[in-house]
C-alpha atoms as a PDB file:
ATOM      1  CA  MET A   1      15.846  -7.747 -26.058  1.00  0.00           C
ATOM      2  CA  PRO A   2      16.085  -4.428 -24.182  1.00  0.00           C
ATOM      3  CA  GLU A   3      15.094  -4.153 -20.521  1.00  0.00           C
ATOM      4  CA  LEU A   4      11.625  -2.691 -19.961  1.00  0.00           C
ATOM      5  CA  THR A   5      11.639   0.692 -18.256  1.00  0.00           C
ATOM      6  CA  PRO A   6       9.495   0.932 -15.102  1.00  0.00           C
ATOM      7  CA  VAL A   7       6.334   2.951 -15.678  1.00  0.00           C
ATOM      8  CA  CYS A   8       6.718   4.725 -12.329  1.00  0.00           C
ATOM      9  CA  ALA A   9       9.299   5.098  -9.572  1.00  0.00           C
ATOM     10  CA  LEU A  10       9.345   4.269  -5.878  1.00  0.00           C
ATOM     11  CA  THR A  11       8.883   7.974  -5.113  1.00  0.00           C
ATOM     12  CA  ASP A  12       5.641   8.001  -7.152  1.00  0.00           C
ATOM     13  CA  VAL A  13       4.290   5.157  -5.014  1.00  0.00           C
ATOM     14  CA  GLU A  14       5.309   6.962  -1.817  1.00  0.00           C
ATOM     15  CA  LEU A  15       3.429  10.050  -2.984  1.00  0.00           C
ATOM     16  CA  TYR A  16       0.156   8.089  -3.153  1.00  0.00           C
ATOM     17  CA  LEU A  17       0.996   6.056  -0.054  1.00  0.00           C
ATOM     18  CA  HIS A  18       1.482   9.318   1.894  1.00  0.00           C
ATOM     19  CA  ALA A  19       4.502   7.714   3.566  1.00  0.00           C
ATOM     20  CA  ASP A  20       7.866   6.179   2.838  1.00  0.00           C
ATOM     21  CA  VAL A  21       7.816   2.562   1.735  1.00  0.00           C
ATOM     22  CA  PRO A  22       9.155   0.401   4.600  1.00  0.00           C
ATOM     23  CA  THR A  23      12.665  -0.884   3.924  1.00  0.00           C
ATOM     24  CA  ASN A  24      11.549  -4.518   4.065  1.00  0.00           C
ATOM     25  CA  LEU A  25       9.033  -3.878   1.233  1.00  0.00           C
ATOM     26  CA  ILE A  26      11.217  -1.967  -1.251  1.00  0.00           C
ATOM     27  CA  ALA A  27      12.091  -5.047  -3.337  1.00  0.00           C
ATOM     28  CA  TYR A  28       8.401  -6.077  -3.313  1.00  0.00           C
ATOM     29  CA  VAL A  29       7.354  -2.591  -4.487  1.00  0.00           C
ATOM     30  CA  GLU A  30       9.897  -2.617  -7.310  1.00  0.00           C
ATOM     31  CA  ARG A  31       8.601  -6.016  -8.499  1.00  0.00           C
ATOM     32  CA  LYS A  32       4.983  -4.869  -8.198  1.00  0.00           C
ATOM     33  CA  ILE A  33       5.782  -1.727 -10.239  1.00  0.00           C
ATOM     34  CA  GLY A  34       7.225  -3.983 -12.943  1.00  0.00           C
ATOM     35  CA  ALA A  35       4.270  -6.377 -12.868  1.00  0.00           C
ATOM     36  CA  SER A  36       1.696  -3.569 -12.976  1.00  0.00           C
ATOM     37  CA  GLY A  37       3.533  -1.830 -15.809  1.00  0.00           C
ATOM     38  CA  ASN A  38       3.640  -5.061 -17.771  1.00  0.00           C
ATOM     39  CA  VAL A  39      -0.109  -5.541 -17.356  1.00  0.00           C
ATOM     40  CA  LEU A  40      -0.643  -2.057 -18.813  1.00  0.00           C
ATOM     41  CA  ARG A  41       1.802  -2.832 -21.635  1.00  0.00           C
ATOM     42  CA  ARG A  42      -0.131  -5.978 -22.533  1.00  0.00           C
ATOM     43  CA  LEU A  43      -3.493  -4.199 -22.380  1.00  0.00           C
ATOM     44  CA  MET A  44      -2.177  -1.395 -24.583  1.00  0.00           C
ATOM     45  CA  ARG A  45      -0.671  -3.916 -27.022  1.00  0.00           C
ATOM     46  CA  ASN A  46      -4.081  -5.608 -27.246  1.00  0.00           C
ATOM     47  CA  GLU A  47      -5.430  -2.193 -28.313  1.00  0.00           C
ATOM     48  CA  GLY A  48      -2.714  -1.862 -30.973  1.00  0.00           C
ATOM     49  CA  LYS A  49      -0.688   0.712 -29.022  1.00  0.00           C
ATOM     50  CA  ASP A  50       2.917   0.627 -27.816  1.00  0.00           C
ATOM     51  CA  LEU A  51       2.991   1.969 -24.263  1.00  0.00           C
ATOM     52  CA  ASP A  52       6.782   2.218 -24.210  1.00  0.00           C
ATOM     53  CA  ALA A  53       6.798   4.383 -27.347  1.00  0.00           C
ATOM     54  CA  LEU A  54       4.123   6.613 -25.851  1.00  0.00           C
ATOM     55  CA  ILE A  55       5.945   7.140 -22.527  1.00  0.00           C
ATOM     56  CA  SER A  56       9.570   7.310 -23.695  1.00  0.00           C
ATOM     57  CA  THR A  57      10.721  10.939 -23.974  1.00  0.00           C
ATOM     58  CA  THR A  58      13.127   9.948 -26.769  1.00  0.00           C
ATOM     59  CA  SER A  59      10.369   8.426 -28.913  1.00  0.00           C
ATOM     60  CA  PRO A  60       8.729  10.436 -31.713  1.00  0.00           C
ATOM     61  CA  ASP A  61       5.385   9.034 -30.441  1.00  0.00           C
ATOM     62  CA  TYR A  62       5.942  10.393 -26.902  1.00  0.00           C
ATOM     63  CA  ASP A  63       2.741  11.660 -25.293  1.00  0.00           C
ATOM     64  CA  GLN A  64       3.053  13.537 -21.973  1.00  0.00           C
ATOM     65  CA  LEU A  65      -0.559  12.880 -20.977  1.00  0.00           C
ATOM     66  CA  THR A  66      -0.294   9.131 -21.575  1.00  0.00           C
ATOM     67  CA  TYR A  67       2.966   9.070 -19.619  1.00  0.00           C
ATOM     68  CA  GLU A  68       1.423  10.825 -16.615  1.00  0.00           C
ATOM     69  CA  GLN A  69      -1.750   8.721 -16.661  1.00  0.00           C
ATOM     70  CA  ALA A  70       0.185   5.441 -16.920  1.00  0.00           C
ATOM     71  CA  ARG A  71       2.621   6.528 -14.199  1.00  0.00           C
ATOM     72  CA  ASP A  72      -0.197   7.528 -11.856  1.00  0.00           C
ATOM     73  CA  ALA A  73      -2.308   4.417 -12.552  1.00  0.00           C
ATOM     74  CA  VAL A  74       0.613   2.124 -11.691  1.00  0.00           C
ATOM     75  CA  ALA A  75       1.649   4.205  -8.662  1.00  0.00           C
ATOM     76  CA  VAL A  76      -1.891   4.188  -7.232  1.00  0.00           C
ATOM     77  CA  ASN A  77      -2.234   0.441  -7.857  1.00  0.00           C
ATOM     78  CA  VAL A  78       1.041  -0.325  -6.096  1.00  0.00           C
ATOM     79  CA  ALA A  79       0.381   2.118  -3.216  1.00  0.00           C
ATOM     80  CA  LEU A  80      -2.970   0.464  -2.488  1.00  0.00           C
ATOM     81  CA  ASP A  81      -1.297  -2.938  -2.509  1.00  0.00           C
ATOM     82  CA  VAL A  82       1.513  -1.776  -0.198  1.00  0.00           C
ATOM     83  CA  LYS A  83      -1.040  -0.250   2.196  1.00  0.00           C
ATOM     84  CA  ARG A  84      -2.832  -3.593   2.335  1.00  0.00           C
ATOM     85  CA  VAL A  85       0.439  -5.437   2.983  1.00  0.00           C
ATOM     86  CA  ILE A  86       1.415  -2.996   5.754  1.00  0.00           C
ATOM     87  CA  ASP A  87      -2.016  -3.356   7.386  1.00  0.00           C
ATOM     88  CA  ASN A  88      -1.776  -7.145   7.230  1.00  0.00           C
ATOM     89  CA  GLN A  89       1.661  -7.162   8.855  1.00  0.00           C
ATOM     90  CA  SER A  90       0.129  -5.720  12.026  1.00  0.00           C
ATOM     91  CA  SER A  91      -2.817  -8.148  11.948  1.00  0.00           C
ATOM     92  CA  GLU A  92      -2.940 -11.487  13.720  1.00  0.00           C
ATOM     93  CA  GLN A  93      -4.157 -13.200  10.553  1.00  0.00           C
ATOM     94  CA  ASP A  94      -3.630 -12.745   6.852  1.00  0.00           C
ATOM     95  CA  LEU A  95      -6.672 -11.044   5.368  1.00  0.00           C
ATOM     96  CA  SER A  96      -4.897  -9.916   2.218  1.00  0.00           C
ATOM     97  CA  SER A  97      -7.247 -11.592  -0.217  1.00  0.00           C
ATOM     98  CA  PHE A  98     -10.511 -10.991   1.627  1.00  0.00           C
ATOM     99  CA  SER A  99     -12.830  -8.030   1.371  1.00  0.00           C
ATOM    100  CA  THR A 100     -16.153  -7.945   3.204  1.00  0.00           C
ATOM    101  CA  PHE A 101     -18.914  -5.866   1.703  1.00  0.00           C
ATOM    102  CA  THR A 102     -22.578  -5.043   2.302  1.00  0.00           C
ATOM    103  CA  GLN A 103     -24.970  -3.720  -0.323  1.00  0.00           C
ATOM    104  CA  THR A 104     -28.347  -2.286   0.685  1.00  0.00           C
ATOM    105  CA  ALA A 105     -31.133  -1.149  -1.626  1.00  0.00           C
ATOM    106  CA  GLY A 106     -34.890  -0.802  -1.267  1.00  0.00           C
ATOM    107  CA  GLY A 107     -35.136  -2.564   2.089  1.00  0.00           C
ATOM    108  CA  TYR A 108     -32.982  -5.503   1.004  1.00  0.00           C
ATOM    109  CA  SER A 109     -29.450  -6.111   2.170  1.00  0.00           C
ATOM    110  CA  PHE A 110     -26.753  -8.385   0.790  1.00  0.00           C
ATOM    111  CA  SER A 111     -23.452  -9.128   2.516  1.00  0.00           C
ATOM    112  CA  GLY A 112     -20.563 -11.146   1.231  1.00  0.00           C
ATOM    113  CA  THR A 113     -16.866 -11.776   1.240  1.00  0.00           C
ATOM    114  CA  TRP A 114     -14.701 -11.605  -1.852  1.00  0.00           C
ATOM    115  CA  ALA A 115     -11.623 -13.814  -1.778  1.00  0.00           C
ATOM    116  CA  GLY A 116      -9.480 -12.632  -4.667  1.00  0.00           C
ATOM    117  CA  ASN A 117      -5.826 -13.272  -5.320  1.00  0.00           C
ATOM    118  CA  SER A 118      -3.842 -10.683  -3.370  1.00  0.00           C
ATOM    119  CA  GLU A 119      -1.060 -10.733  -5.962  1.00  0.00           C
ATOM    120  CA  ASP A 120      -3.299  -9.700  -8.859  1.00  0.00           C
ATOM    121  CA  VAL A 121      -3.050  -6.295 -10.491  1.00  0.00           C
ATOM    122  CA  PHE A 122      -6.236  -4.248 -10.583  1.00  0.00           C
ATOM    123  CA  PHE A 123      -6.919  -1.036 -12.481  1.00  0.00           C
ATOM    124  CA  THR A 124     -10.214   0.815 -12.385  1.00  0.00           C
ATOM    125  CA  SER A 125     -12.313   1.033 -15.528  1.00  0.00           C
ATOM    126  CA  THR A 126     -11.789   4.811 -15.472  1.00  0.00           C
ATOM    127  CA  GLN A 127      -8.001   4.434 -15.411  1.00  0.00           C
ATOM    128  CA  LEU A 128      -8.147   2.042 -18.352  1.00  0.00           C
ATOM    129  CA  ALA A 129     -10.603   4.198 -20.298  1.00  0.00           C
ATOM    130  CA  ASN A 130      -8.363   7.247 -19.801  1.00  0.00           C
ATOM    131  CA  LEU A 131      -5.539   5.296 -21.435  1.00  0.00           C
ATOM    132  CA  GLY A 132      -7.805   4.280 -24.331  1.00  0.00           C
ATOM    133  CA  ILE A 133      -8.130   0.665 -23.204  1.00  0.00           C
ATOM    134  CA  GLY A 134     -11.462  -1.032 -23.730  1.00  0.00           C
ATOM    135  CA  ARG A 135     -13.141   1.806 -25.591  1.00  0.00           C
ATOM    136  CA  ALA A 136     -14.642   1.603 -29.044  1.00  0.00           C
ATOM    137  CA  THR A 137     -11.867   1.570 -31.627  1.00  0.00           C
ATOM    138  CA  ILE A 138     -13.707   2.780 -34.741  1.00  0.00           C
ATOM    139  CA  SER A 139     -11.921   5.943 -35.767  1.00  0.00           C
ATOM    140  CA  GLN A 140     -13.160   6.473 -39.321  1.00  0.00           C
ATOM    141  CA  VAL A 141     -16.152   5.385 -41.316  1.00  0.00           C
ATOM    142  CA  SER A 142     -16.402   5.761 -45.102  1.00  0.00           C
ATOM    143  CA  LEU A 143     -19.675   5.469 -46.962  1.00  0.00           C
END
């Protein structure tokens, strides 16, 4: 089985991070790029699409727009994760999986803490929709 090609490069992550990736996190970033790319591959496969065929310049199915959107979605995802890891390295405690939020509406206020898995891969619904993931799949109707 051929090796899967990374969807983005370290330099793409650094572009969205607005800084160089620290040397001690380069291996982590490379693994996170692979994991994030594989999540997109699986989501695209569930939609009946082959991400690798769409982003490989040697494929007859190559699509520049899909390539750029997939590259940017993975790079943003990884850059946000690296930023969180860098911030946590300077903290006294590990807050990597916690996010405190407050929601206020009409005189009512709700506060909470979300404790998610810090190693998960998250894409926004807009990123996924732009790649055709999760949208209606009816393309033709005959009567």
